[in-house]
Amino acid sequence: MAKFTGVEMEKIQTKATILIIPGLRDHVPEHWQTILETKLAKVRSVPPVETNKLNCENRVAAIQAQLEQIQGPVILVAHSAGVLMTIHWAAKYQRPIQGALLVAPPDLNESWPENYPSPTVLHQEGWSPLPDQELPFPSILVASTNDHLARYEAVSEMAEKWGSRLVNLGEVGHLNPASGFGYWPLAEQFIQQLDQVEQPA
């Protein structure tokens, strides 16, 4: 009987380095972002912030700190509040980005369940107002029609403002482990699409 212990699966190759930007819950072991990180050859992840985890400026600074260590093209892969961090980062910093995969952004104008921070607290920590200018790089925004943190219509408006290609996956919740995501192979396909985008000279 063949033994596969210690055999490493072949990594997914990309021209760009992938920077994974988790949401406020940071690195959840069974989350598709955490699993994706193990499958990619060129990948980094934004680590949890050590002080005031709800502060938007601290989160944006953590993204910039990782980007300063990466040479060459980068694809950002953000989920939930990580999308909002990415939007705030893009409004503050200038750096060439190959593309961004933006998954299930929450709506700061929505009333969230009790186990999430309140919009009032997030406003105090600098999350709103959310920048609404068009992103200076290609982006894919993946949305759900039954996300408890954002109505589909609100996410559709975000995509229009940011100039993102909107992908409606239907009833997929918040695209997190509680919604059954886990391993999410579609993320790899979106990354490959962004990796092939020709940038203007």
N, C-alpha and C. Protein backbone atom coordinates (compact mmCIF):
# COMPACT_ATOMS: atom_id res chain seq x y z
N MET A 1 0.85 -1.20 0.00
CA MET A 1 0.00 0.00 0.00
C MET A 1 0.89 1.25 0.00
N ALA A 2 0.60 2.17 -0.92
CA ALA A 2 1.45 3.35 -1.06
C ALA A 2 1.29 4.27 0.14
N LYS A 3 2.40 4.86 0.56
CA LYS A 3 2.37 5.82 1.65
C LYS A 3 2.62 7.22 1.09
N PHE A 4 1.75 8.14 1.46
CA PHE A 4 1.87 9.50 0.95
C PHE A 4 2.33 10.48 2.02
N THR A 5 2.65 9.96 3.19
CA THR A 5 3.10 10.82 4.28
C THR A 5 4.37 11.56 3.88
N GLY A 6 4.35 12.86 4.05
CA GLY A 6 5.54 13.66 3.76
C GLY A 6 5.66 14.09 2.32
N VAL A 7 4.77 13.62 1.45
CA VAL A 7 4.81 14.01 0.05
C VAL A 7 4.06 15.33 -0.12
N GLU A 8 4.73 16.32 -0.63
CA GLU A 8 4.12 17.63 -0.78
C GLU A 8 3.46 17.75 -2.14
N MET A 9 2.23 18.21 -2.16
CA MET A 9 1.53 18.41 -3.42
C MET A 9 2.22 19.52 -4.21
N GLU A 10 2.16 19.41 -5.54
CA GLU A 10 2.77 20.42 -6.38
C GLU A 10 2.05 21.75 -6.20
N LYS A 11 2.81 22.80 -5.98
CA LYS A 11 2.24 24.12 -5.72
C LYS A 11 1.72 24.76 -7.00
N ILE A 12 0.70 25.59 -6.85
CA ILE A 12 0.15 26.35 -7.96
C ILE A 12 1.09 27.50 -8.28
N GLN A 13 1.52 27.58 -9.54
CA GLN A 13 2.47 28.59 -9.96
C GLN A 13 1.76 29.84 -10.48
N THR A 14 2.24 31.00 -10.09
CA THR A 14 1.74 32.27 -10.60
C THR A 14 2.91 33.20 -10.88
N LYS A 15 2.73 34.10 -11.84
CA LYS A 15 3.76 35.11 -12.09
C LYS A 15 3.82 36.11 -10.93
N ALA A 16 2.66 36.46 -10.43
CA ALA A 16 2.57 37.42 -9.33
C ALA A 16 2.67 36.72 -7.98
N THR A 17 3.13 37.45 -6.99
CA THR A 17 3.05 36.98 -5.60
C THR A 17 1.65 37.26 -5.09
N ILE A 18 1.05 36.30 -4.43
CA ILE A 18 -0.29 36.46 -3.88
C ILE A 18 -0.19 36.94 -2.44
N LEU A 19 -0.86 38.04 -2.13
CA LEU A 19 -0.92 38.53 -0.75
C LEU A 19 -2.32 38.30 -0.22
N ILE A 20 -2.44 37.44 0.78
CA ILE A 20 -3.73 37.11 1.37
C ILE A 20 -4.04 38.09 2.50
N ILE A 21 -5.23 38.67 2.44
CA ILE A 21 -5.66 39.68 3.41
C ILE A 21 -6.92 39.17 4.10
N PRO A 22 -6.78 38.57 5.29
CA PRO A 22 -7.95 38.04 5.99
C PRO A 22 -8.83 39.15 6.56
N GLY A 23 -10.00 38.75 7.05
CA GLY A 23 -10.90 39.69 7.70
C GLY A 23 -10.55 39.87 9.17
N LEU A 24 -11.50 40.35 9.94
CA LEU A 24 -11.24 40.68 11.35
C LEU A 24 -10.94 39.46 12.20
N ARG A 25 -11.37 38.28 11.76
CA ARG A 25 -11.10 37.06 12.53
C ARG A 25 -9.71 36.49 12.22
N ASP A 26 -8.99 37.16 11.33
CA ASP A 26 -7.62 36.77 10.98
C ASP A 26 -7.56 35.35 10.43
N HIS A 27 -6.60 34.56 10.84
CA HIS A 27 -6.32 33.28 10.18
C HIS A 27 -7.09 32.14 10.86
N VAL A 28 -8.19 31.74 10.24
CA VAL A 28 -8.98 30.60 10.72
C VAL A 28 -8.51 29.35 9.98
N PRO A 29 -8.11 28.29 10.69
CA PRO A 29 -7.50 27.12 10.03
C PRO A 29 -8.32 26.53 8.89
N GLU A 30 -9.65 26.45 9.05
CA GLU A 30 -10.48 25.80 8.03
C GLU A 30 -10.98 26.77 6.96
N HIS A 31 -10.53 28.02 7.01
CA HIS A 31 -10.97 29.04 6.04
C HIS A 31 -10.32 28.80 4.68
N TRP A 32 -11.03 29.12 3.61
CA TRP A 32 -10.50 28.90 2.27
C TRP A 32 -9.22 29.70 2.03
N GLN A 33 -9.08 30.88 2.64
CA GLN A 33 -7.84 31.65 2.47
C GLN A 33 -6.65 30.91 3.07
N THR A 34 -6.85 30.33 4.24
CA THR A 34 -5.77 29.60 4.92
C THR A 34 -5.37 28.38 4.10
N ILE A 35 -6.36 27.68 3.56
CA ILE A 35 -6.09 26.51 2.72
C ILE A 35 -5.39 26.94 1.44
N LEU A 36 -5.86 28.03 0.85
CA LEU A 36 -5.27 28.54 -0.39
C LEU A 36 -3.79 28.86 -0.20
N GLU A 37 -3.45 29.41 0.93
CA GLU A 37 -2.05 29.78 1.19
C GLU A 37 -1.13 28.57 1.10
N THR A 38 -1.62 27.40 1.51
CA THR A 38 -0.79 26.19 1.48
C THR A 38 -0.61 25.65 0.06
N LYS A 39 -1.44 26.09 -0.87
CA LYS A 39 -1.43 25.55 -2.22
C LYS A 39 -0.65 26.39 -3.22
N LEU A 40 -0.31 27.62 -2.84
CA LEU A 40 0.34 28.54 -3.76
C LEU A 40 1.86 28.54 -3.59
N ALA A 41 2.57 28.70 -4.71
CA ALA A 41 4.03 28.71 -4.66
C ALA A 41 4.57 30.06 -4.19
N LYS A 42 3.98 31.14 -4.69
CA LYS A 42 4.44 32.49 -4.34
C LYS A 42 3.34 33.19 -3.55
N VAL A 43 3.46 33.16 -2.23
CA VAL A 43 2.37 33.68 -1.41
C VAL A 43 2.89 34.25 -0.10
N ARG A 44 2.24 35.29 0.34
CA ARG A 44 2.45 35.86 1.67
C ARG A 44 1.07 36.14 2.25
N SER A 45 1.04 36.33 3.55
CA SER A 45 -0.23 36.62 4.21
C SER A 45 -0.03 37.74 5.23
N VAL A 46 -1.01 38.62 5.32
CA VAL A 46 -0.93 39.70 6.31
C VAL A 46 -1.15 39.10 7.69
N PRO A 47 -0.19 39.24 8.60
CA PRO A 47 -0.33 38.65 9.94
C PRO A 47 -1.31 39.45 10.79
N PRO A 48 -1.81 38.85 11.86
CA PRO A 48 -2.69 39.59 12.77
C PRO A 48 -1.97 40.80 13.37
N VAL A 49 -2.70 41.88 13.55
CA VAL A 49 -2.11 43.04 14.22
C VAL A 49 -2.07 42.78 15.71
N GLU A 50 -1.08 43.34 16.37
CA GLU A 50 -0.86 43.05 17.78
C GLU A 50 -1.60 44.00 18.71
N THR A 51 -1.90 45.20 18.23
CA THR A 51 -2.58 46.18 19.09
C THR A 51 -3.82 46.73 18.39
N ASN A 52 -4.87 46.91 19.15
CA ASN A 52 -6.14 47.46 18.65
C ASN A 52 -6.54 46.84 17.32
N LYS A 53 -6.97 45.60 17.37
CA LYS A 53 -7.28 44.83 16.17
C LYS A 53 -8.42 45.42 15.35
N LEU A 54 -9.26 46.25 15.95
CA LEU A 54 -10.38 46.83 15.22
C LEU A 54 -10.02 48.14 14.52
N ASN A 55 -8.82 48.64 14.73
CA ASN A 55 -8.43 49.91 14.14
C ASN A 55 -8.08 49.75 12.67
N CYS A 56 -8.77 50.49 11.82
CA CYS A 56 -8.57 50.36 10.37
C CYS A 56 -7.17 50.78 9.95
N GLU A 57 -6.66 51.86 10.52
CA GLU A 57 -5.33 52.34 10.15
C GLU A 57 -4.26 51.30 10.47
N ASN A 58 -4.41 50.61 11.59
CA ASN A 58 -3.46 49.55 11.94
C ASN A 58 -3.50 48.41 10.92
N ARG A 59 -4.70 48.08 10.49
CA ARG A 59 -4.86 47.00 9.50
C ARG A 59 -4.26 47.39 8.16
N VAL A 60 -4.49 48.62 7.74
CA VAL A 60 -3.93 49.10 6.47
C VAL A 60 -2.41 49.13 6.53
N ALA A 61 -1.86 49.56 7.66
CA ALA A 61 -0.40 49.59 7.83
C ALA A 61 0.19 48.19 7.74
N ALA A 62 -0.55 47.19 8.23
CA ALA A 62 -0.06 45.81 8.16
C ALA A 62 0.00 45.32 6.71
N ILE A 63 -0.96 45.74 5.89
CA ILE A 63 -0.93 45.40 4.46
C ILE A 63 0.29 46.04 3.81
N GLN A 64 0.50 47.32 4.07
CA GLN A 64 1.62 48.03 3.46
C GLN A 64 2.95 47.43 3.89
N ALA A 65 3.06 47.01 5.14
CA ALA A 65 4.31 46.41 5.62
C ALA A 65 4.65 45.15 4.85
N GLN A 66 3.64 44.35 4.50
CA GLN A 66 3.90 43.15 3.71
C GLN A 66 4.27 43.51 2.27
N LEU A 67 3.57 44.47 1.70
CA LEU A 67 3.84 44.84 0.31
C LEU A 67 5.24 45.40 0.15
N GLU A 68 5.75 46.07 1.16
CA GLU A 68 7.11 46.62 1.09
C GLU A 68 8.17 45.53 1.02
N GLN A 69 7.80 44.31 1.37
CA GLN A 69 8.74 43.19 1.35
C GLN A 69 8.63 42.35 0.07
N ILE A 70 7.72 42.74 -0.82
CA ILE A 70 7.48 41.96 -2.04
C ILE A 70 8.02 42.70 -3.25
N GLN A 71 8.82 42.03 -4.04
CA GLN A 71 9.31 42.57 -5.30
C GLN A 71 8.45 42.03 -6.44
N GLY A 72 8.17 42.88 -7.43
CA GLY A 72 7.44 42.40 -8.60
C GLY A 72 5.93 42.47 -8.42
N PRO A 73 5.21 41.88 -9.39
CA PRO A 73 3.75 41.98 -9.38
C PRO A 73 3.11 41.28 -8.19
N VAL A 74 1.97 41.81 -7.78
CA VAL A 74 1.24 41.29 -6.61
C VAL A 74 -0.24 41.19 -6.94
N ILE A 75 -0.86 40.11 -6.49
CA ILE A 75 -2.31 39.98 -6.53
C ILE A 75 -2.81 39.94 -5.09
N LEU A 76 -3.76 40.81 -4.77
CA LEU A 76 -4.34 40.86 -3.44
C LEU A 76 -5.56 39.94 -3.39
N VAL A 77 -5.65 39.13 -2.34
CA VAL A 77 -6.79 38.23 -2.16
C VAL A 77 -7.41 38.53 -0.80
N ALA A 78 -8.52 39.25 -0.81
CA ALA A 78 -9.12 39.74 0.43
C ALA A 78 -10.51 39.17 0.64
N HIS A 79 -10.84 38.92 1.89
CA HIS A 79 -12.18 38.42 2.25
C HIS A 79 -12.78 39.28 3.36
N SER A 80 -14.09 39.50 3.27
CA SER A 80 -14.85 40.17 4.31
C SER A 80 -14.26 41.55 4.63
N ALA A 81 -13.97 41.83 5.89
CA ALA A 81 -13.40 43.14 6.24
C ALA A 81 -12.04 43.35 5.59
N GLY A 82 -11.38 42.27 5.17
CA GLY A 82 -10.14 42.41 4.42
C GLY A 82 -10.32 43.18 3.13
N VAL A 83 -11.52 43.07 2.54
CA VAL A 83 -11.83 43.87 1.34
C VAL A 83 -11.84 45.35 1.69
N LEU A 84 -12.46 45.69 2.81
CA LEU A 84 -12.52 47.09 3.22
C LEU A 84 -11.13 47.62 3.52
N MET A 85 -10.29 46.79 4.15
CA MET A 85 -8.89 47.17 4.40
C MET A 85 -8.19 47.47 3.08
N THR A 86 -8.43 46.62 2.08
CA THR A 86 -7.80 46.78 0.77
C THR A 86 -8.22 48.09 0.12
N ILE A 87 -9.50 48.42 0.22
CA ILE A 87 -10.00 49.66 -0.37
C ILE A 87 -9.38 50.87 0.32
N HIS A 88 -9.28 50.83 1.63
CA HIS A 88 -8.63 51.92 2.36
C HIS A 88 -7.15 52.00 2.00
N TRP A 89 -6.50 50.85 1.85
CA TRP A 89 -5.08 50.84 1.47
C TRP A 89 -4.90 51.51 0.10
N ALA A 90 -5.76 51.15 -0.86
CA ALA A 90 -5.63 51.68 -2.22
C ALA A 90 -5.85 53.18 -2.27
N ALA A 91 -6.63 53.71 -1.33
CA ALA A 91 -6.88 55.15 -1.29
C ALA A 91 -5.71 55.91 -0.66
N LYS A 92 -4.86 55.20 0.07
CA LYS A 92 -3.77 55.86 0.80
C LYS A 92 -2.41 55.66 0.15
N TYR A 93 -2.18 54.51 -0.45
CA TYR A 93 -0.86 54.18 -0.98
C TYR A 93 -0.89 54.01 -2.50
N GLN A 94 0.25 54.21 -3.11
CA GLN A 94 0.40 54.00 -4.54
C GLN A 94 1.47 52.95 -4.77
N ARG A 95 1.06 51.84 -5.36
CA ARG A 95 1.98 50.77 -5.69
C ARG A 95 1.34 49.97 -6.82
N PRO A 96 2.11 49.59 -7.84
CA PRO A 96 1.53 48.78 -8.91
C PRO A 96 0.98 47.46 -8.37
N ILE A 97 -0.26 47.15 -8.71
CA ILE A 97 -0.90 45.91 -8.29
C ILE A 97 -1.41 45.20 -9.54
N GLN A 98 -1.10 43.91 -9.67
CA GLN A 98 -1.54 43.14 -10.82
C GLN A 98 -3.06 42.99 -10.83
N GLY A 99 -3.64 42.80 -9.68
CA GLY A 99 -5.09 42.64 -9.59
C GLY A 99 -5.50 42.30 -8.18
N ALA A 100 -6.81 42.28 -7.95
CA ALA A 100 -7.33 41.97 -6.61
C ALA A 100 -8.57 41.10 -6.72
N LEU A 101 -8.61 40.08 -5.88
CA LEU A 101 -9.80 39.25 -5.71
C LEU A 101 -10.46 39.69 -4.41
N LEU A 102 -11.64 40.27 -4.52
CA LEU A 102 -12.34 40.85 -3.38
C LEU A 102 -13.59 40.01 -3.11
N VAL A 103 -13.63 39.36 -1.96
CA VAL A 103 -14.68 38.36 -1.71
C VAL A 103 -15.55 38.77 -0.52
N ALA A 104 -16.86 38.86 -0.76
CA ALA A 104 -17.87 39.07 0.28
C ALA A 104 -17.58 40.26 1.20
N PRO A 105 -17.48 41.46 0.63
CA PRO A 105 -17.28 42.62 1.51
C PRO A 105 -18.53 42.89 2.35
N PRO A 106 -18.37 43.22 3.61
CA PRO A 106 -19.52 43.59 4.43
C PRO A 106 -19.96 45.02 4.14
N ASP A 107 -21.21 45.30 4.44
CA ASP A 107 -21.76 46.63 4.25
C ASP A 107 -21.78 47.36 5.59
N LEU A 108 -21.04 48.44 5.69
CA LEU A 108 -20.94 49.18 6.95
C LEU A 108 -22.24 49.88 7.33
N ASN A 109 -23.19 49.93 6.41
CA ASN A 109 -24.49 50.55 6.70
C ASN A 109 -25.52 49.52 7.15
N GLU A 110 -25.12 48.27 7.22
CA GLU A 110 -26.02 47.19 7.59
C GLU A 110 -25.97 46.94 9.09
N SER A 111 -27.05 46.42 9.66
CA SER A 111 -27.05 45.99 11.06
C SER A 111 -26.56 44.55 11.11
N TRP A 112 -25.43 44.32 11.77
CA TRP A 112 -24.81 43.01 11.80
C TRP A 112 -25.24 42.22 13.04
N PRO A 113 -25.09 40.89 13.01
CA PRO A 113 -25.40 40.06 14.19
C PRO A 113 -24.54 40.46 15.39
N GLU A 114 -24.98 40.04 16.57
CA GLU A 114 -24.35 40.49 17.82
C GLU A 114 -22.90 40.04 17.97
N ASN A 115 -22.51 38.95 17.30
CA ASN A 115 -21.13 38.47 17.45
C ASN A 115 -20.16 39.21 16.52
N TYR A 116 -20.61 40.28 15.90
CA TYR A 116 -19.76 41.12 15.05
C TYR A 116 -19.67 42.53 15.65
N PRO A 117 -18.60 43.26 15.35
CA PRO A 117 -18.51 44.65 15.83
C PRO A 117 -19.66 45.48 15.27
N SER A 118 -20.10 46.45 16.02
CA SER A 118 -21.19 47.31 15.55
C SER A 118 -20.65 48.34 14.56
N PRO A 119 -21.48 48.77 13.60
CA PRO A 119 -21.05 49.82 12.67
C PRO A 119 -20.58 51.08 13.39
N THR A 120 -21.18 51.37 14.55
CA THR A 120 -20.77 52.56 15.32
C THR A 120 -19.32 52.44 15.78
N VAL A 121 -18.97 51.26 16.31
CA VAL A 121 -17.60 51.03 16.77
C VAL A 121 -16.63 51.11 15.59
N LEU A 122 -17.00 50.50 14.47
CA LEU A 122 -16.13 50.51 13.30
C LEU A 122 -15.95 51.93 12.76
N HIS A 123 -16.99 52.73 12.82
CA HIS A 123 -16.86 54.13 12.39
C HIS A 123 -15.86 54.86 13.28
N GLN A 124 -15.93 54.60 14.57
CA GLN A 124 -15.00 55.23 15.51
C GLN A 124 -13.56 54.80 15.26
N GLU A 125 -13.40 53.59 14.70
CA GLU A 125 -12.06 53.06 14.43
C GLU A 125 -11.59 53.37 13.01
N GLY A 126 -12.32 54.22 12.29
CA GLY A 126 -11.83 54.71 11.01
C GLY A 126 -12.23 53.93 9.77
N TRP A 127 -13.18 53.01 9.89
CA TRP A 127 -13.57 52.20 8.74
C TRP A 127 -14.48 52.95 7.77
N SER A 128 -15.25 53.88 8.28
CA SER A 128 -16.13 54.65 7.42
C SER A 128 -15.84 56.14 7.60
N PRO A 129 -16.06 56.93 6.53
CA PRO A 129 -16.64 56.51 5.25
C PRO A 129 -15.67 55.66 4.43
N LEU A 130 -16.24 54.75 3.65
CA LEU A 130 -15.44 53.86 2.82
C LEU A 130 -15.12 54.56 1.50
N PRO A 131 -13.86 54.60 1.07
CA PRO A 131 -13.52 55.23 -0.21
C PRO A 131 -14.32 54.61 -1.35
N ASP A 132 -14.79 55.46 -2.26
CA ASP A 132 -15.61 54.94 -3.36
C ASP A 132 -15.04 55.25 -4.74
N GLN A 133 -13.77 55.67 -4.79
CA GLN A 133 -13.17 55.93 -6.10
C GLN A 133 -12.79 54.61 -6.78
N GLU A 134 -12.70 54.68 -8.10
CA GLU A 134 -12.36 53.49 -8.88
C GLU A 134 -10.95 53.03 -8.53
N LEU A 135 -10.79 51.73 -8.39
CA LEU A 135 -9.48 51.16 -8.07
C LEU A 135 -8.54 51.30 -9.27
N PRO A 136 -7.26 51.56 -9.03
CA PRO A 136 -6.30 51.75 -10.12
C PRO A 136 -5.72 50.43 -10.65
N PHE A 137 -6.39 49.32 -10.37
CA PHE A 137 -5.93 48.01 -10.84
C PHE A 137 -7.14 47.12 -11.08
N PRO A 138 -6.99 46.08 -11.91
CA PRO A 138 -8.12 45.18 -12.18
C PRO A 138 -8.57 44.47 -10.90
N SER A 139 -9.88 44.26 -10.79
CA SER A 139 -10.38 43.56 -9.61
C SER A 139 -11.63 42.76 -9.95
N ILE A 140 -11.78 41.66 -9.22
CA ILE A 140 -12.97 40.81 -9.30
C ILE A 140 -13.64 40.84 -7.94
N LEU A 141 -14.91 41.22 -7.90
CA LEU A 141 -15.65 41.27 -6.64
C LEU A 141 -16.67 40.12 -6.64
N VAL A 142 -16.50 39.20 -5.70
CA VAL A 142 -17.37 38.03 -5.61
C VAL A 142 -18.44 38.29 -4.56
N ALA A 143 -19.70 38.12 -4.95
CA ALA A 143 -20.81 38.46 -4.07
C ALA A 143 -21.75 37.28 -3.87
N SER A 144 -22.51 37.37 -2.78
CA SER A 144 -23.51 36.37 -2.41
C SER A 144 -24.87 37.05 -2.33
N THR A 145 -25.92 36.28 -2.59
CA THR A 145 -27.26 36.85 -2.51
C THR A 145 -27.90 36.66 -1.13
N ASN A 146 -27.22 35.95 -0.24
CA ASN A 146 -27.78 35.76 1.12
C ASN A 146 -26.71 35.94 2.20
N ASP A 147 -25.84 36.92 2.00
CA ASP A 147 -24.80 37.24 2.98
C ASP A 147 -25.45 38.03 4.13
N HIS A 148 -25.27 37.56 5.36
CA HIS A 148 -25.88 38.24 6.50
C HIS A 148 -25.18 39.55 6.87
N LEU A 149 -24.06 39.85 6.19
CA LEU A 149 -23.34 41.09 6.47
C LEU A 149 -23.50 42.14 5.37
N ALA A 150 -24.18 41.79 4.28
CA ALA A 150 -24.36 42.75 3.19
C ALA A 150 -25.44 42.27 2.23
N ARG A 151 -26.30 43.17 1.84
CA ARG A 151 -27.26 42.86 0.78
C ARG A 151 -26.53 42.83 -0.56
N TYR A 152 -27.01 41.99 -1.46
CA TYR A 152 -26.38 41.88 -2.77
C TYR A 152 -26.38 43.23 -3.48
N GLU A 153 -27.47 43.99 -3.35
CA GLU A 153 -27.57 45.28 -4.02
C GLU A 153 -26.47 46.23 -3.55
N ALA A 154 -26.15 46.18 -2.26
CA ALA A 154 -25.09 47.05 -1.73
C ALA A 154 -23.73 46.65 -2.29
N VAL A 155 -23.48 45.35 -2.39
CA VAL A 155 -22.21 44.88 -2.93
C VAL A 155 -22.10 45.21 -4.41
N SER A 156 -23.21 45.11 -5.12
CA SER A 156 -23.23 45.48 -6.53
C SER A 156 -22.86 46.95 -6.72
N GLU A 157 -23.34 47.80 -5.83
CA GLU A 157 -22.98 49.22 -5.90
C GLU A 157 -21.50 49.43 -5.63
N MET A 158 -20.94 48.66 -4.69
CA MET A 158 -19.50 48.73 -4.42
C MET A 158 -18.71 48.40 -5.69
N ALA A 159 -19.11 47.33 -6.36
CA ALA A 159 -18.40 46.90 -7.57
C ALA A 159 -18.43 47.99 -8.63
N GLU A 160 -19.57 48.65 -8.76
CA GLU A 160 -19.70 49.71 -9.76
C GLU A 160 -18.79 50.88 -9.43
N LYS A 161 -18.75 51.28 -8.16
CA LYS A 161 -17.91 52.40 -7.74
C LYS A 161 -16.43 52.08 -7.90
N TRP A 162 -16.05 50.86 -7.56
CA TRP A 162 -14.63 50.48 -7.57
C TRP A 162 -14.16 50.03 -8.95
N GLY A 163 -15.07 49.89 -9.91
CA GLY A 163 -14.70 49.43 -11.24
C GLY A 163 -14.36 47.95 -11.28
N SER A 164 -14.97 47.18 -10.38
CA SER A 164 -14.68 45.75 -10.27
C SER A 164 -15.62 44.93 -11.16
N ARG A 165 -15.12 43.81 -11.64
CA ARG A 165 -16.00 42.84 -12.32
C ARG A 165 -16.78 42.08 -11.26
N LEU A 166 -18.09 42.18 -11.30
CA LEU A 166 -18.94 41.57 -10.28
C LEU A 166 -19.28 40.14 -10.66
N VAL A 167 -19.07 39.21 -9.73
CA VAL A 167 -19.43 37.81 -9.93
C VAL A 167 -20.45 37.42 -8.86
N ASN A 168 -21.65 37.06 -9.29
CA ASN A 168 -22.72 36.66 -8.38
C ASN A 168 -22.72 35.14 -8.26
N LEU A 169 -22.37 34.64 -7.08
CA LEU A 169 -22.33 33.19 -6.86
C LEU A 169 -23.63 32.65 -6.27
N GLY A 170 -24.63 33.51 -6.13
CA GLY A 170 -25.90 33.03 -5.60
C GLY A 170 -25.88 32.90 -4.08
N GLU A 171 -26.60 31.92 -3.57
CA GLU A 171 -26.75 31.75 -2.12
C GLU A 171 -25.56 30.99 -1.53
N VAL A 172 -24.51 31.73 -1.24
CA VAL A 172 -23.29 31.13 -0.67
C VAL A 172 -22.93 31.77 0.67
N GLY A 173 -23.90 32.41 1.31
CA GLY A 173 -23.66 32.99 2.62
C GLY A 173 -22.55 34.03 2.59
N HIS A 174 -21.69 33.97 3.59
CA HIS A 174 -20.57 34.92 3.70
C HIS A 174 -19.27 34.34 3.14
N LEU A 175 -19.39 33.22 2.40
CA LEU A 175 -18.22 32.54 1.84
C LEU A 175 -17.14 32.31 2.88
N ASN A 176 -17.57 31.79 4.01
CA ASN A 176 -16.66 31.46 5.12
C ASN A 176 -16.93 30.03 5.57
N PRO A 177 -16.16 29.50 6.50
CA PRO A 177 -16.38 28.11 6.93
C PRO A 177 -17.81 27.84 7.40
N ALA A 178 -18.44 28.81 8.06
CA ALA A 178 -19.81 28.61 8.53
C ALA A 178 -20.79 28.43 7.36
N SER A 179 -20.39 28.92 6.17
CA SER A 179 -21.22 28.77 4.98
C SER A 179 -20.78 27.59 4.11
N GLY A 180 -19.79 26.84 4.59
CA GLY A 180 -19.33 25.67 3.85
C GLY A 180 -18.07 25.87 3.03
N PHE A 181 -17.39 26.98 3.20
CA PHE A 181 -16.14 27.27 2.49
C PHE A 181 -15.05 27.42 3.53
N GLY A 182 -14.34 26.44 3.75
CA GLY A 182 -13.52 25.40 3.30
C GLY A 182 -12.79 25.67 2.00
N TYR A 183 -12.32 24.53 1.55
CA TYR A 183 -11.59 24.54 0.29
C TYR A 183 -12.50 25.13 -0.78
N TRP A 184 -11.98 26.11 -1.50
CA TRP A 184 -12.76 26.83 -2.51
C TRP A 184 -11.93 26.94 -3.79
N PRO A 185 -12.02 25.94 -4.67
CA PRO A 185 -11.17 25.93 -5.87
C PRO A 185 -11.42 27.09 -6.81
N LEU A 186 -12.61 27.69 -6.76
CA LEU A 186 -12.90 28.81 -7.65
C LEU A 186 -11.96 29.98 -7.40
N ALA A 187 -11.48 30.12 -6.17
CA ALA A 187 -10.53 31.19 -5.87
C ALA A 187 -9.28 31.05 -6.73
N GLU A 188 -8.84 29.82 -6.92
CA GLU A 188 -7.64 29.58 -7.74
C GLU A 188 -7.88 30.01 -9.18
N GLN A 189 -9.09 29.76 -9.70
CA GLN A 189 -9.40 30.16 -11.07
C GLN A 189 -9.40 31.69 -11.21
N PHE A 190 -9.98 32.38 -10.24
CA PHE A 190 -9.99 33.84 -10.30
C PHE A 190 -8.57 34.40 -10.24
N ILE A 191 -7.73 33.80 -9.40
CA ILE A 191 -6.34 34.24 -9.29
C ILE A 191 -5.61 34.05 -10.61
N GLN A 192 -5.82 32.91 -11.26
CA GLN A 192 -5.18 32.65 -12.55
C GLN A 192 -5.64 33.67 -13.59
N GLN A 193 -6.92 34.04 -13.56
CA GLN A 193 -7.42 35.06 -14.50
C GLN A 193 -6.70 36.39 -14.28
N LEU A 194 -6.60 36.80 -13.03
CA LEU A 194 -5.92 38.07 -12.73
C LEU A 194 -4.44 38.00 -13.07
N ASP A 195 -3.84 36.84 -12.90
CA ASP A 195 -2.41 36.67 -13.16
C ASP A 195 -2.10 36.83 -14.65
N GLN A 196 -3.10 36.59 -15.50
CA GLN A 196 -2.90 36.65 -16.95
C GLN A 196 -3.23 38.02 -17.54
N VAL A 197 -3.74 38.93 -16.72
CA VAL A 197 -4.09 40.27 -17.23
C VAL A 197 -2.84 41.00 -17.69
N GLU A 198 -2.89 41.51 -18.91
CA GLU A 198 -1.76 42.28 -19.44
C GLU A 198 -1.83 43.71 -18.90
N GLN A 199 -0.76 44.13 -18.27
CA GLN A 199 -0.70 45.48 -17.73
C GLN A 199 -0.20 46.46 -18.79
N PRO A 200 -0.72 47.69 -18.79
CA PRO A 200 -0.24 48.68 -19.76
C PRO A 200 1.23 48.99 -19.56
N ALA A 201 1.92 49.21 -20.64
CA ALA A 201 3.36 49.48 -20.57
C ALA A 201 3.61 50.84 -19.95
